[in-house]
Amino acid sequence: MDAMKEHAGYARTKNTLKLLKIILDHGIIKSNEICKILNVTERQILKYVKDLRECGINVKSKTGANGGYYIDDWECP
């Protein structure tokens, strides 16, 4: 694996784990707030959320003024 791909995979994993901690710390948080914290795009946030869901972490989202991402019934898979 070349260094660029290895770095990109590392950054994605690191940000996915950071996202998990952010959601756990905040309870519910909007994607634009996550983007500012991680310095990434909303599209990247969707990828990180997908990664967490594929690992069995129950990341949910709700719309509206009080909406955002949250984890329902946290339990480490």
Protein backbone atom coordinates (compact mmCIF):
# COMPACT_ATOMS: atom_id res chain seq x y z
CA MET A 1 0.00 0.00 0.00
CA ASP A 2 1.46 3.35 -0.91
CA ALA A 3 1.99 6.05 1.71
CA MET A 4 -0.84 8.29 0.44
CA LYS A 5 -3.51 5.58 0.70
CA GLU A 6 -2.15 4.48 4.06
CA HIS A 7 -2.36 8.07 5.36
CA ALA A 8 -5.91 8.50 4.01
CA GLY A 9 -7.04 5.29 5.72
CA TYR A 10 -5.44 6.39 8.96
CA ALA A 11 -7.10 9.81 8.81
CA ARG A 12 -10.52 8.27 8.13
CA THR A 13 -10.18 5.82 11.00
CA LYS A 14 -8.94 8.54 13.33
CA ASN A 15 -11.81 10.86 12.42
CA THR A 16 -14.37 8.07 12.70
CA LEU A 17 -13.20 7.36 16.25
CA LYS A 18 -13.16 11.08 17.04
CA LEU A 19 -16.74 11.30 15.77
CA LEU A 20 -17.75 8.51 18.13
CA LYS A 21 -16.25 10.39 21.08
CA ILE A 22 -17.83 13.69 19.99
CA ILE A 23 -21.30 12.15 19.78
CA LEU A 24 -20.88 10.37 23.12
CA ASP A 25 -19.66 13.58 24.77
CA HIS A 26 -22.40 15.82 23.35
CA GLY A 27 -25.38 13.47 23.39
CA ILE A 28 -26.79 15.06 20.25
CA ILE A 29 -24.84 17.23 17.82
CA LYS A 30 -25.50 18.79 14.44
CA SER A 31 -23.39 17.81 11.46
CA ASN A 32 -22.22 21.39 10.85
CA GLU A 33 -20.84 21.48 14.40
CA ILE A 34 -19.03 18.18 13.79
CA CYS A 35 -17.61 19.60 10.55
CA LYS A 36 -16.12 22.53 12.45
CA ILE A 37 -14.63 20.31 15.15
CA LEU A 38 -13.10 17.79 12.73
CA ASN A 39 -12.44 20.29 9.92
CA VAL A 40 -14.12 18.06 7.33
CA THR A 41 -17.11 18.27 4.97
CA GLU A 42 -20.62 17.03 5.68
CA ARG A 43 -20.06 14.36 3.03
CA GLN A 44 -17.14 13.02 5.05
CA ILE A 45 -19.30 12.99 8.18
CA LEU A 46 -21.76 10.73 6.34
CA LYS A 47 -18.91 8.32 5.57
CA TYR A 48 -17.80 8.27 9.20
CA VAL A 49 -21.37 7.66 10.38
CA LYS A 50 -21.65 4.81 7.88
CA ASP A 51 -18.40 3.31 9.19
CA LEU A 52 -19.69 3.44 12.78
CA ARG A 53 -22.99 1.84 11.77
CA GLU A 54 -21.14 -0.93 9.94
CA CYS A 55 -19.27 -1.61 13.19
CA GLY A 56 -22.57 -2.12 14.98
CA ILE A 57 -22.76 1.28 16.68
CA ASN A 58 -26.34 2.55 16.65
CA VAL A 59 -25.79 6.10 15.33
CA LYS A 60 -29.10 7.80 14.64
CA SER A 61 -30.08 11.20 13.38
CA LYS A 62 -33.10 13.39 13.71
CA THR A 63 -34.07 16.52 11.83
CA GLY A 64 -35.27 19.85 13.07
CA ALA A 65 -34.08 22.64 15.31
CA ASN A 66 -33.14 20.19 18.08
CA GLY A 67 -31.86 17.55 15.68
CA GLY A 68 -28.48 16.07 14.99
CA TYR A 69 -26.57 12.84 15.37
CA TYR A 70 -26.84 10.79 18.52
CA ILE A 71 -26.22 7.26 19.71
CA ASP A 72 -29.19 5.36 21.00
CA ASP A 73 -28.54 2.75 23.66
CA TRP A 74 -24.73 2.93 23.67
CA GLU A 75 -23.11 -0.45 23.96
CA CYS A 76 -19.68 -1.28 22.64
CA PRO A 77 -20.16 -4.04 20.02
